[in-house]
């Protein structure tokens, strides 16, 4: 039953277009960052200000408060993790967070 709860929470989290765009940003848009992390842990991370800037450049209407909410939802569902560098935080995509979805798709024989 716990896997079903995790799976449904993940699916609910992924149904928001802004969250899907954040995942795309964290996966592949490193060249658009302004604030670069210096530690290895944060090397693939994005500062929230960079995420906000990219979202706005790509036509999304979003405030700092709304971005914080979306990042919190992604973090609570293990889709992103947080790397801290001094006073700055960097959000990093956690690909293992998708494992519950991939396992379920494999169990029903959906081949990707």
PDB file of N, CA and C in Angstrom:
ATOM      1  N   UNK A   1       0.824  -1.201   0.000  1.00  0.00           N
ATOM      2  CA  UNK A   1       0.000   0.000   0.000  1.00  0.00           C
ATOM      3  C   UNK A   1       0.863   1.257   0.000  1.00  0.00           C
ATOM      4  N   UNK A   2       1.995   1.212   0.700  1.00  0.00           N
ATOM      5  CA  UNK A   2       2.888   2.370   0.776  1.00  0.00           C
ATOM      6  C   UNK A   2       3.409   2.769  -0.598  1.00  0.00           C
ATOM      7  N   UNK A   3       3.745   1.776  -1.438  1.00  0.00           N
ATOM      8  CA  UNK A   3       4.200   2.089  -2.789  1.00  0.00           C
ATOM      9  C   UNK A   3       3.114   2.773  -3.597  1.00  0.00           C
ATOM     10  N   UNK A   4       1.866   2.379  -3.386  1.00  0.00           N
ATOM     11  CA  UNK A   4       0.763   3.020  -4.093  1.00  0.00           C
ATOM     12  C   UNK A   4       0.622   4.480  -3.662  1.00  0.00           C
ATOM     13  N   UNK A   5       0.792   4.738  -2.367  1.00  0.00           N
ATOM     14  CA  UNK A   5       0.732   6.121  -1.884  1.00  0.00           C
ATOM     15  C   UNK A   5       1.869   6.945  -2.482  1.00  0.00           C
ATOM     16  N   UNK A   6       3.062   6.381  -2.498  1.00  0.00           N
ATOM     17  CA  UNK A   6       4.209   7.083  -3.085  1.00  0.00           C
ATOM     18  C   UNK A   6       3.985   7.337  -4.565  1.00  0.00           C
ATOM     19  N   UNK A   7       3.455   6.337  -5.248  1.00  0.00           N
ATOM     20  CA  UNK A   7       3.203   6.456  -6.680  1.00  0.00           C
ATOM     21  C   UNK A   7       2.156   7.523  -6.978  1.00  0.00           C
ATOM     22  N   UNK A   8       1.052   7.507  -6.251  1.00  0.00           N
ATOM     23  CA  UNK A   8       0.007   8.502  -6.511  1.00  0.00           C
ATOM     24  C   UNK A   8       0.483   9.906  -6.154  1.00  0.00           C
ATOM     25  N   UNK A   9       1.261  10.043  -5.093  1.00  0.00           N
ATOM     26  CA  UNK A   9       1.816  11.359  -4.750  1.00  0.00           C
ATOM     27  C   UNK A   9       2.753  11.856  -5.839  1.00  0.00           C
ATOM     28  N   UNK A  10       3.573  10.963  -6.374  1.00  0.00           N
ATOM     29  CA  UNK A  10       4.494  11.346  -7.449  1.00  0.00           C
ATOM     30  C   UNK A  10       3.718  11.774  -8.685  1.00  0.00           C
ATOM     31  N   UNK A  11       2.704  11.016  -9.055  1.00  0.00           N
ATOM     32  CA  UNK A  11       1.899  11.352 -10.238  1.00  0.00           C
ATOM     33  C   UNK A  11       1.196  12.693 -10.046  1.00  0.00           C
ATOM     34  N   UNK A  12       0.660  12.939  -8.857  1.00  0.00           N
ATOM     35  CA  UNK A  12       0.021  14.228  -8.578  1.00  0.00           C
ATOM     36  C   UNK A  12       1.035  15.370  -8.706  1.00  0.00           C
ATOM     37  N   UNK A  13       2.223  15.138  -8.229  1.00  0.00           N
ATOM     38  CA  UNK A  13       3.266  16.157  -8.303  1.00  0.00           C
ATOM     39  C   UNK A  13       3.643  16.448  -9.746  1.00  0.00           C
ATOM     40  N   UNK A  14       3.685  15.419 -10.570  1.00  0.00           N
ATOM     41  CA  UNK A  14       4.105  15.580 -11.964  1.00  0.00           C
ATOM     42  C   UNK A  14       3.023  16.142 -12.871  1.00  0.00           C
ATOM     43  N   UNK A  15       1.806  16.295 -12.384  1.00  0.00           N
ATOM     44  CA  UNK A  15       0.743  16.778 -13.263  1.00  0.00           C
ATOM     45  C   UNK A  15       0.737  18.296 -13.436  1.00  0.00           C
ATOM     46  N   UNK A  16       1.628  19.005 -12.785  1.00  0.00           N
ATOM     47  CA  UNK A  16       1.676  20.457 -12.912  1.00  0.00           C
ATOM     48  C   UNK A  16       2.701  20.873 -13.969  1.00  0.00           C
ATOM     49  N   UNK A  17       2.311  21.686 -14.954  1.00  0.00           N
ATOM     50  CA  UNK A  17       3.240  22.080 -16.032  1.00  0.00           C
ATOM     51  C   UNK A  17       4.479  22.832 -15.534  1.00  0.00           C
ATOM     52  N   UNK A  18       4.324  23.627 -14.492  1.00  0.00           N
ATOM     53  CA  UNK A  18       5.486  24.357 -13.965  1.00  0.00           C
ATOM     54  C   UNK A  18       6.489  23.375 -13.371  1.00  0.00           C
ATOM     55  N   UNK A  19       6.006  22.369 -12.662  1.00  0.00           N
ATOM     56  CA  UNK A  19       6.916  21.376 -12.074  1.00  0.00           C
ATOM     57  C   UNK A  19       7.608  20.566 -13.165  1.00  0.00           C
ATOM     58  N   UNK A  20       6.893  20.241 -14.213  1.00  0.00           N
ATOM     59  CA  UNK A  20       7.525  19.530 -15.330  1.00  0.00           C
ATOM     60  C   UNK A  20       8.619  20.383 -15.959  1.00  0.00           C
ATOM     61  N   UNK A  21       8.370  21.670 -16.098  1.00  0.00           N
ATOM     62  CA  UNK A  21       9.377  22.564 -16.661  1.00  0.00           C
ATOM     63  C   UNK A  21      10.575  22.680 -15.729  1.00  0.00           C
ATOM     64  N   UNK A  22      10.337  22.737 -14.430  1.00  0.00           N
ATOM     65  CA  UNK A  22      11.447  22.792 -13.466  1.00  0.00           C
ATOM     66  C   UNK A  22      12.312  21.547 -13.612  1.00  0.00           C
ATOM     67  N   UNK A  23      11.702  20.391 -13.770  1.00  0.00           N
ATOM     68  CA  UNK A  23      12.458  19.147 -13.953  1.00  0.00           C
ATOM     69  C   UNK A  23      13.297  19.235 -15.220  1.00  0.00           C
ATOM     70  N   UNK A  24      12.723  19.744 -16.303  1.00  0.00           N
ATOM     71  CA  UNK A  24      13.487  19.912 -17.545  1.00  0.00           C
ATOM     72  C   UNK A  24      14.664  20.859 -17.352  1.00  0.00           C
ATOM     73  N   UNK A  25      14.437  21.939 -16.635  1.00  0.00           N
ATOM     74  CA  UNK A  25      15.511  22.904 -16.366  1.00  0.00           C
ATOM     75  C   UNK A  25      16.634  22.217 -15.601  1.00  0.00           C
ATOM     76  N   UNK A  26      16.278  21.511 -14.538  1.00  0.00           N
ATOM     77  CA  UNK A  26      17.296  20.860 -13.696  1.00  0.00           C
ATOM     78  C   UNK A  26      18.044  19.759 -14.440  1.00  0.00           C
ATOM     79  N   UNK A  27      17.414  19.181 -15.435  1.00  0.00           N
ATOM     80  CA  UNK A  27      18.044  18.094 -16.181  1.00  0.00           C
ATOM     81  C   UNK A  27      19.025  18.587 -17.230  1.00  0.00           C
ATOM     82  N   UNK A  28      18.721  19.696 -17.890  1.00  0.00           N
ATOM     83  CA  UNK A  28      19.498  19.942 -19.102  1.00  0.00           C
ATOM     84  C   UNK A  28      19.848  21.385 -19.440  1.00  0.00           C
ATOM     85  N   UNK A  29      19.508  22.334 -18.628  1.00  0.00           N
ATOM     86  CA  UNK A  29      19.720  23.717 -19.043  1.00  0.00           C
ATOM     87  C   UNK A  29      20.814  24.410 -18.240  1.00  0.00           C
ATOM     88  N   UNK A  30      21.911  23.703 -18.045  1.00  0.00           N
ATOM     89  CA  UNK A  30      23.000  24.216 -17.217  1.00  0.00           C
ATOM     90  C   UNK A  30      23.606  25.503 -17.760  1.00  0.00           C
ATOM     91  N   UNK A  31      23.623  25.657 -19.075  1.00  0.00           N
ATOM     92  CA  UNK A  31      24.254  26.835 -19.673  1.00  0.00           C
ATOM     93  C   UNK A  31      23.476  28.114 -19.371  1.00  0.00           C
ATOM     94  N   UNK A  32      22.268  28.002 -18.859  1.00  0.00           N
ATOM     95  CA  UNK A  32      21.446  29.178 -18.563  1.00  0.00           C
ATOM     96  C   UNK A  32      21.617  29.658 -17.121  1.00  0.00           C
ATOM     97  N   UNK A  33      22.470  29.004 -16.344  1.00  0.00           N
ATOM     98  CA  UNK A  33      22.681  29.408 -14.949  1.00  0.00           C
ATOM     99  C   UNK A  33      23.544  30.654 -14.873  1.00  0.00           C
ATOM    100  N   UNK A  34      23.247  31.501 -13.893  1.00  0.00           N
ATOM    101  CA  UNK A  34      24.107  32.637 -13.575  1.00  0.00           C
ATOM    102  C   UNK A  34      24.889  32.374 -12.301  1.00  0.00           C
ATOM    103  N   UNK A  35      24.228  31.760 -11.324  1.00  0.00           N
ATOM    104  CA  UNK A  35      24.858  31.459 -10.040  1.00  0.00           C
ATOM    105  C   UNK A  35      25.394  30.038 -10.098  1.00  0.00           C
ATOM    106  N   UNK A  36      26.704  29.935 -10.148  1.00  0.00           N
ATOM    107  CA  UNK A  36      27.320  28.619 -10.306  1.00  0.00           C
ATOM    108  C   UNK A  36      27.766  28.067  -8.961  1.00  0.00           C
ATOM    109  N   UNK A  37      27.398  26.837  -8.673  1.00  0.00           N
ATOM    110  CA  UNK A  37      27.835  26.203  -7.429  1.00  0.00           C
ATOM    111  C   UNK A  37      29.328  25.906  -7.484  1.00  0.00           C
ATOM    112  N   UNK A  38      29.953  25.871  -6.314  1.00  0.00           N
ATOM    113  CA  UNK A  38      31.388  25.610  -6.265  1.00  0.00           C
ATOM    114  C   UNK A  38      31.713  24.230  -5.712  1.00  0.00           C
ATOM    115  N   UNK A  39      30.763  23.589  -5.042  1.00  0.00           N
ATOM    116  CA  UNK A  39      31.027  22.268  -4.488  1.00  0.00           C
ATOM    117  C   UNK A  39      30.590  21.186  -5.465  1.00  0.00           C
ATOM    118  N   UNK A  40      31.153  20.024  -5.277  1.00  0.00           N
ATOM    119  CA  UNK A  40      30.799  18.886  -6.135  1.00  0.00           C
ATOM    120  C   UNK A  40      29.330  18.493  -5.943  1.00  0.00           C
ATOM    121  N   UNK A  41      28.869  18.564  -4.701  1.00  0.00           N
ATOM    122  CA  UNK A  41      27.488  18.188  -4.397  1.00  0.00           C
ATOM    123  C   UNK A  41      26.488  19.063  -5.154  1.00  0.00           C
ATOM    124  N   UNK A  42      26.793  20.328  -5.306  1.00  0.00           N
ATOM    125  CA  UNK A  42      25.880  21.239  -5.969  1.00  0.00           C
ATOM    126  C   UNK A  42      26.199  21.493  -7.429  1.00  0.00           C
ATOM    127  N   UNK A  43      27.176  20.785  -7.972  1.00  0.00           N
ATOM    128  CA  UNK A  43      27.657  21.083  -9.324  1.00  0.00           C
ATOM    129  C   UNK A  43      26.579  20.999 -10.403  1.00  0.00           C
ATOM    130  N   UNK A  44      25.592  20.158 -10.228  1.00  0.00           N
ATOM    131  CA  UNK A  44      24.500  20.052 -11.199  1.00  0.00           C
ATOM    132  C   UNK A  44      23.259  20.778 -10.718  1.00  0.00           C
ATOM    133  N   UNK A  45      23.436  21.674  -9.756  1.00  0.00           N
ATOM    134  CA  UNK A  45      22.301  22.343  -9.153  1.00  0.00           C
ATOM    135  C   UNK A  45      22.007  23.716  -9.718  1.00  0.00           C
ATOM    136  N   UNK A  46      20.824  24.172  -9.396  1.00  0.00           N
ATOM    137  CA  UNK A  46      20.355  25.487  -9.803  1.00  0.00           C
ATOM    138  C   UNK A  46      19.914  26.274  -8.581  1.00  0.00           C
ATOM    139  N   UNK A  47      20.321  27.511  -8.527  1.00  0.00           N
ATOM    140  CA  UNK A  47      19.844  28.447  -7.522  1.00  0.00           C
ATOM    141  C   UNK A  47      18.383  28.778  -7.858  1.00  0.00           C
ATOM    142  N   UNK A  48      17.519  28.958  -6.861  1.00  0.00           N
ATOM    143  CA  UNK A  48      16.130  29.301  -7.150  1.00  0.00           C
ATOM    144  C   UNK A  48      15.987  30.546  -8.036  1.00  0.00           C
ATOM    145  N   UNK A  49      16.881  31.495  -7.888  1.00  0.00           N
ATOM    146  CA  UNK A  49      16.801  32.703  -8.714  1.00  0.00           C
ATOM    147  C   UNK A  49      17.016  32.373 -10.189  1.00  0.00           C
ATOM    148  N   UNK A  50      17.905  31.437 -10.469  1.00  0.00           N
ATOM    149  CA  UNK A  50      18.106  31.005 -11.860  1.00  0.00           C
ATOM    150  C   UNK A  50      16.875  30.280 -12.392  1.00  0.00           C
ATOM    151  N   UNK A  51      16.290  29.422 -11.565  1.00  0.00           N
ATOM    152  CA  UNK A  51      15.085  28.698 -11.987  1.00  0.00           C
ATOM    153  C   UNK A  51      13.974  29.693 -12.293  1.00  0.00           C
ATOM    154  N   UNK A  52      13.799  30.672 -11.419  1.00  0.00           N
ATOM    155  CA  UNK A  52      12.766  31.682 -11.611  1.00  0.00           C
ATOM    156  C   UNK A  52      13.002  32.476 -12.892  1.00  0.00           C
ATOM    157  N   UNK A  53      14.234  32.875 -13.125  1.00  0.00           N
ATOM    158  CA  UNK A  53      14.581  33.649 -14.321  1.00  0.00           C
ATOM    159  C   UNK A  53      14.289  32.844 -15.586  1.00  0.00           C
ATOM    160  N   UNK A  54      14.677  31.583 -15.605  1.00  0.00           N
ATOM    161  CA  UNK A  54      14.460  30.736 -16.785  1.00  0.00           C
ATOM    162  C   UNK A  54      12.968  30.523 -17.026  1.00  0.00           C
ATOM    163  N   UNK A  55      12.213  30.267 -15.956  1.00  0.00           N
ATOM    164  CA  UNK A  55      10.769  30.088 -16.107  1.00  0.00           C
ATOM    165  C   UNK A  55      10.128  31.334 -16.727  1.00  0.00           C
ATOM    166  N   UNK A  56      10.518  32.496 -16.229  1.00  0.00           N
ATOM    167  CA  UNK A  56       9.946  33.745 -16.759  1.00  0.00           C
ATOM    168  C   UNK A  56      10.364  33.967 -18.212  1.00  0.00           C
ATOM    169  N   UNK A  57      11.627  33.681 -18.527  1.00  0.00           N
ATOM    170  CA  UNK A  57      12.087  33.817 -19.912  1.00  0.00           C
ATOM    171  C   UNK A  57      11.316  32.894 -20.851  1.00  0.00           C
ATOM    172  N   UNK A  58      10.893  31.749 -20.329  1.00  0.00           N
ATOM    173  CA  UNK A  58      10.172  30.771 -21.143  1.00  0.00           C
ATOM    174  C   UNK A  58       8.652  30.974 -21.111  1.00  0.00           C
ATOM    175  N   UNK A  59       8.211  32.109 -20.569  1.00  0.00           N
ATOM    176  CA  UNK A  59       6.807  32.475 -20.651  1.00  0.00           C
ATOM    177  C   UNK A  59       5.925  32.054 -19.493  1.00  0.00           C
ATOM    178  N   UNK A  60       6.499  31.536 -18.426  1.00  0.00           N
ATOM    179  CA  UNK A  60       5.701  31.160 -17.264  1.00  0.00           C
ATOM    180  C   UNK A  60       5.537  32.378 -16.353  1.00  0.00           C
ATOM    181  N   UNK A  61       4.331  32.580 -15.860  1.00  0.00           N
ATOM    182  CA  UNK A  61       4.061  33.645 -14.904  1.00  0.00           C
ATOM    183  C   UNK A  61       4.131  33.031 -13.521  1.00  0.00           C
ATOM    184  N   UNK A  62       5.142  33.420 -12.754  1.00  0.00           N
ATOM    185  CA  UNK A  62       5.355  32.782 -11.453  1.00  0.00           C
ATOM    186  C   UNK A  62       6.046  33.765 -10.514  1.00  0.00           C
ATOM    187  N   UNK A  63       5.698  33.689  -9.236  1.00  0.00           N
ATOM    188  CA  UNK A  63       6.306  34.524  -8.209  1.00  0.00           C
ATOM    189  C   UNK A  63       7.312  33.693  -7.408  1.00  0.00           C
ATOM    190  N   UNK A  64       8.108  34.376  -6.592  1.00  0.00           N
ATOM    191  CA  UNK A  64       9.052  33.670  -5.712  1.00  0.00           C
ATOM    192  C   UNK A  64       8.314  32.707  -4.787  1.00  0.00           C
ATOM    193  N   UNK A  65       7.192  33.163  -4.254  1.00  0.00           N
ATOM    194  CA  UNK A  65       6.414  32.336  -3.327  1.00  0.00           C
ATOM    195  C   UNK A  65       5.906  31.071  -4.006  1.00  0.00           C
ATOM    196  N   UNK A  66       5.383  31.222  -5.215  1.00  0.00           N
ATOM    197  CA  UNK A  66       4.868  30.068  -5.949  1.00  0.00           C
ATOM    198  C   UNK A  66       5.995  29.105  -6.325  1.00  0.00           C
ATOM    199  N   UNK A  67       7.156  29.648  -6.715  1.00  0.00           N
ATOM    200  CA  UNK A  67       8.303  28.793  -7.019  1.00  0.00           C
ATOM    201  C   UNK A  67       8.719  28.009  -5.785  1.00  0.00           C
ATOM    202  N   UNK A  68       8.763  28.656  -4.638  1.00  0.00           N
ATOM    203  CA  UNK A  68       9.120  27.959  -3.398  1.00  0.00           C
ATOM    204  C   UNK A  68       8.162  26.810  -3.122  1.00  0.00           C
ATOM    205  N   UNK A  69       6.880  27.040  -3.368  1.00  0.00           N
ATOM    206  CA  UNK A  69       5.882  25.992  -3.165  1.00  0.00           C
ATOM    207  C   UNK A  69       6.148  24.803  -4.100  1.00  0.00           C
ATOM    208  N   UNK A  70       6.393  25.076  -5.376  1.00  0.00           N
ATOM    209  CA  UNK A  70       6.642  24.002  -6.332  1.00  0.00           C
ATOM    210  C   UNK A  70       7.929  23.241  -5.983  1.00  0.00           C
ATOM    211  N   UNK A  71       8.973  23.945  -5.596  1.00  0.00           N
ATOM    212  CA  UNK A  71      10.224  23.282  -5.214  1.00  0.00           C
ATOM    213  C   UNK A  71      10.028  22.422  -3.968  1.00  0.00           C
ATOM    214  N   UNK A  72       9.211  22.902  -3.023  1.00  0.00           N
ATOM    215  CA  UNK A  72       8.914  22.127  -1.818  1.00  0.00           C
ATOM    216  C   UNK A  72       8.196  20.830  -2.181  1.00  0.00           C
ATOM    217  N   UNK A  73       7.221  20.912  -3.076  1.00  0.00           N
ATOM    218  CA  UNK A  73       6.497  19.723  -3.515  1.00  0.00           C
ATOM    219  C   UNK A  73       7.435  18.721  -4.195  1.00  0.00           C
ATOM    220  N   UNK A  74       8.317  19.214  -5.047  1.00  0.00           N
ATOM    221  CA  UNK A  74       9.279  18.332  -5.722  1.00  0.00           C
ATOM    222  C   UNK A  74      10.236  17.700  -4.712  1.00  0.00           C
ATOM    223  N   UNK A  75      10.661  18.465  -3.726  1.00  0.00           N
ATOM    224  CA  UNK A  75      11.580  17.950  -2.701  1.00  0.00           C
ATOM    225  C   UNK A  75      10.888  16.906  -1.829  1.00  0.00           C
ATOM    226  N   UNK A  76       9.653  17.171  -1.431  1.00  0.00           N
ATOM    227  CA  UNK A  76       8.919  16.220  -0.586  1.00  0.00           C
ATOM    228  C   UNK A  76       8.682  14.890  -1.282  1.00  0.00           C
ATOM    229  N   UNK A  77       8.649  14.894  -2.593  1.00  0.00           N
ATOM    230  CA  UNK A  77       8.456  13.659  -3.365  1.00  0.00           C
ATOM    231  C   UNK A  77       9.770  13.104  -3.906  1.00  0.00           C
ATOM    232  N   UNK A  78      10.876  13.572  -3.365  1.00  0.00           N
ATOM    233  CA  UNK A  78      12.227  13.085  -3.685  1.00  0.00           C
ATOM    234  C   UNK A  78      12.616  13.258  -5.149  1.00  0.00           C
ATOM    235  N   UNK A  79      12.016  14.217  -5.822  1.00  0.00           N
ATOM    236  CA  UNK A  79      12.370  14.482  -7.208  1.00  0.00           C
ATOM    237  C   UNK A  79      13.562  15.422  -7.278  1.00  0.00           C
ATOM    238  N   UNK A  80      13.687  16.288  -6.282  1.00  0.00           N
ATOM    239  CA  UNK A  80      14.860  17.150  -6.187  1.00  0.00           C
ATOM    240  C   UNK A  80      15.456  17.013  -4.796  1.00  0.00           C
ATOM    241  N   UNK A  81      16.733  17.312  -4.714  1.00  0.00           N
ATOM    242  CA  UNK A  81      17.395  17.389  -3.422  1.00  0.00           C
ATOM    243  C   UNK A  81      18.036  18.761  -3.318  1.00  0.00           C
ATOM    244  N   UNK A  82      18.497  19.075  -2.134  1.00  0.00           N
ATOM    245  CA  UNK A  82      19.023  20.396  -1.852  1.00  0.00           C
ATOM    246  C   UNK A  82      20.504  20.297  -1.515  1.00  0.00           C
ATOM    247  N   UNK A  83      21.300  21.150  -2.136  1.00  0.00           N
ATOM    248  CA  UNK A  83      22.722  21.255  -1.794  1.00  0.00           C
ATOM    249  C   UNK A  83      22.943  22.670  -1.271  1.00  0.00           C
ATOM    250  N   UNK A  84      23.522  22.785  -0.092  1.00  0.00           N
ATOM    251  CA  UNK A  84      23.741  24.097   0.508  1.00  0.00           C
ATOM    252  C   UNK A  84      25.195  24.510   0.342  1.00  0.00           C
ATOM    253  N   UNK A  85      25.363  25.750  -0.091  1.00  0.00           N
ATOM    254  CA  UNK A  85      26.696  26.346  -0.205  1.00  0.00           C
ATOM    255  C   UNK A  85      26.658  27.711   0.448  1.00  0.00           C
ATOM    256  N   UNK A  86      27.185  27.781   1.665  1.00  0.00           N
ATOM    257  CA  UNK A  86      27.126  29.039   2.397  1.00  0.00           C
ATOM    258  C   UNK A  86      25.687  29.440   2.638  1.00  0.00           C
ATOM    259  N   UNK A  87      25.323  30.637   2.180  1.00  0.00           N
ATOM    260  CA  UNK A  87      23.961  31.127   2.352  1.00  0.00           C
ATOM    261  C   UNK A  87      23.054  30.724   1.190  1.00  0.00           C
ATOM    262  N   UNK A  88      23.602  30.131   0.184  1.00  0.00           N
ATOM    263  CA  UNK A  88      22.844  29.818  -1.027  1.00  0.00           C
ATOM    264  C   UNK A  88      22.498  28.320  -1.085  1.00  0.00           C
ATOM    265  N   UNK A  89      21.315  28.045  -1.602  1.00  0.00           N
ATOM    266  CA  UNK A  89      20.871  26.671  -1.820  1.00  0.00           C
ATOM    267  C   UNK A  89      20.783  26.402  -3.314  1.00  0.00           C
ATOM    268  N   UNK A  90      21.109  25.175  -3.682  1.00  0.00           N
ATOM    269  CA  UNK A  90      21.001  24.745  -5.070  1.00  0.00           C
ATOM    270  C   UNK A  90      20.133  23.498  -5.132  1.00  0.00           C
ATOM    271  N   UNK A  91      19.195  23.510  -6.056  1.00  0.00           N
ATOM    272  CA  UNK A  91      18.312  22.362  -6.252  1.00  0.00           C
ATOM    273  C   UNK A  91      18.897  21.465  -7.328  1.00  0.00           C
ATOM    274  N   UNK A  92      18.953  20.170  -7.023  1.00  0.00           N
ATOM    275  CA  UNK A  92      19.557  19.174  -7.893  1.00  0.00           C
ATOM    276  C   UNK A  92      18.506  18.113  -8.204  1.00  0.00           C
ATOM    277  N   UNK A  93      18.408  17.720  -9.461  1.00  0.00           N
ATOM    278  CA  UNK A  93      17.465  16.677  -9.857  1.00  0.00           C
ATOM    279  C   UNK A  93      17.898  15.347  -9.254  1.00  0.00           C
ATOM    280  N   UNK A  94      16.964  14.654  -8.634  1.00  0.00           N
ATOM    281  CA  UNK A  94      17.210  13.354  -8.020  1.00  0.00           C
ATOM    282  C   UNK A  94      16.505  12.294  -8.873  1.00  0.00           C
ATOM    283  N   UNK A  95      17.217  11.720  -9.799  1.00  0.00           N
ATOM    284  CA  UNK A  95      16.607  10.766 -10.731  1.00  0.00           C
ATOM    285  C   UNK A  95      16.075   9.521 -10.028  1.00  0.00           C
ATOM    286  N   UNK A  96      16.631   9.182  -8.870  1.00  0.00           N
ATOM    287  CA  UNK A  96      16.131   8.030  -8.124  1.00  0.00           C
ATOM    288  C   UNK A  96      14.701   8.258  -7.650  1.00  0.00           C
ATOM    289  N   UNK A  97      14.274   9.514  -7.576  1.00  0.00           N
ATOM    290  CA  UNK A  97      12.914   9.828  -7.159  1.00  0.00           C
ATOM    291  C   UNK A  97      11.858   9.302  -8.121  1.00  0.00           C
ATOM    292  N   UNK A  98      12.270   8.989  -9.339  1.00  0.00           N
ATOM    293  CA  UNK A  98      11.340   8.469 -10.338  1.00  0.00           C
ATOM    294  C   UNK A  98      11.254   6.949 -10.298  1.00  0.00           C
ATOM    295  N   UNK A  99      12.039   6.315  -9.435  1.00  0.00           N
ATOM    296  CA  UNK A  99      12.126   4.852  -9.418  1.00  0.00           C
ATOM    297  C   UNK A  99      10.791   4.186  -9.131  1.00  0.00           C
ATOM    298  N   UNK A 100       9.995   4.757  -8.230  1.00  0.00           N
ATOM    299  CA  UNK A 100       8.701   4.145  -7.907  1.00  0.00           C
ATOM    300  C   UNK A 100       7.797   4.122  -9.144  1.00  0.00           C
ATOM    301  N   UNK A 101       7.851   5.166  -9.950  1.00  0.00           N
ATOM    302  CA  UNK A 101       7.053   5.212 -11.188  1.00  0.00           C
ATOM    303  C   UNK A 101       7.588   4.214 -12.210  1.00  0.00           C
ATOM    304  N   UNK A 102       8.902   4.177 -12.377  1.00  0.00           N
ATOM    305  CA  UNK A 102       9.499   3.243 -13.334  1.00  0.00           C
ATOM    306  C   UNK A 102       9.240   1.795 -12.933  1.00  0.00           C
ATOM    307  N   UNK A 103       9.335   1.501 -11.648  1.00  0.00           N
ATOM    308  CA  UNK A 103       9.069   0.137 -11.165  1.00  0.00           C
ATOM    309  C   UNK A 103       7.630  -0.265 -11.441  1.00  0.00           C
ATOM    310  N   UNK A 104       6.700   0.648 -11.198  1.00  0.00           N
ATOM    311  CA  UNK A 104       5.303   0.346 -11.445  1.00  0.00           C
ATOM    312  C   UNK A 104       5.053   0.129 -12.939  1.00  0.00           C
ATOM    313  N   UNK A 105       5.616   0.986 -13.795  1.00  0.00           N
ATOM    314  CA  UNK A 105       5.447   0.812 -15.243  1.00  0.00           C
ATOM    315  C   UNK A 105       6.008  -0.538 -15.687  1.00  0.00           C
ATOM    316  N   UNK A 106       7.143  -0.929 -15.144  1.00  0.00           N
ATOM    317  CA  UNK A 106       7.716  -2.229 -15.482  1.00  0.00           C
ATOM    318  C   UNK A 106       6.833  -3.370 -14.989  1.00  0.00           C
ATOM    319  N   UNK A 107       6.191  -3.188 -13.842  1.00  0.00           N
ATOM    320  CA  UNK A 107       5.353  -4.258 -13.286  1.00  0.00           C
ATOM    321  C   UNK A 107       4.099  -4.492 -14.119  1.00  0.00           C
ATOM    322  N   UNK A 108       3.650  -3.482 -14.823  1.00  0.00           N
ATOM    323  CA  UNK A 108       2.484  -3.679 -15.690  1.00  0.00           C
ATOM    324  C   UNK A 108       2.906  -3.866 -17.146  1.00  0.00           C
ATOM    325  N   UNK A 109       4.194  -4.091 -17.318  1.00  0.00           N
ATOM    326  CA  UNK A 109       4.777  -4.424 -18.619  1.00  0.00           C
ATOM    327  C   UNK A 109       4.627  -3.318 -19.665  1.00  0.00           C
ATOM    328  N   UNK A 110       4.844  -2.110 -19.204  1.00  0.00           N
ATOM    329  CA  UNK A 110       4.922  -0.990 -20.142  1.00  0.00           C
ATOM    330  C   UNK A 110       6.383  -0.817 -20.480  1.00  0.00           C
ATOM    331  N   UNK A 111       6.726  -0.995 -21.719  1.00  0.00           N
ATOM    332  CA  UNK A 111       8.118  -0.930 -22.120  1.00  0.00           C
ATOM    333  C   UNK A 111       8.409   0.404 -22.775  1.00  0.00           C
ATOM    334  N   UNK A 112       9.433   1.032 -22.271  1.00  0.00           N
ATOM    335  CA  UNK A 112       9.807   2.343 -22.793  1.00  0.00           C
ATOM    336  C   UNK A 112      10.959   2.225 -23.750  1.00  0.00           C
TER     337      UNK A 112
END
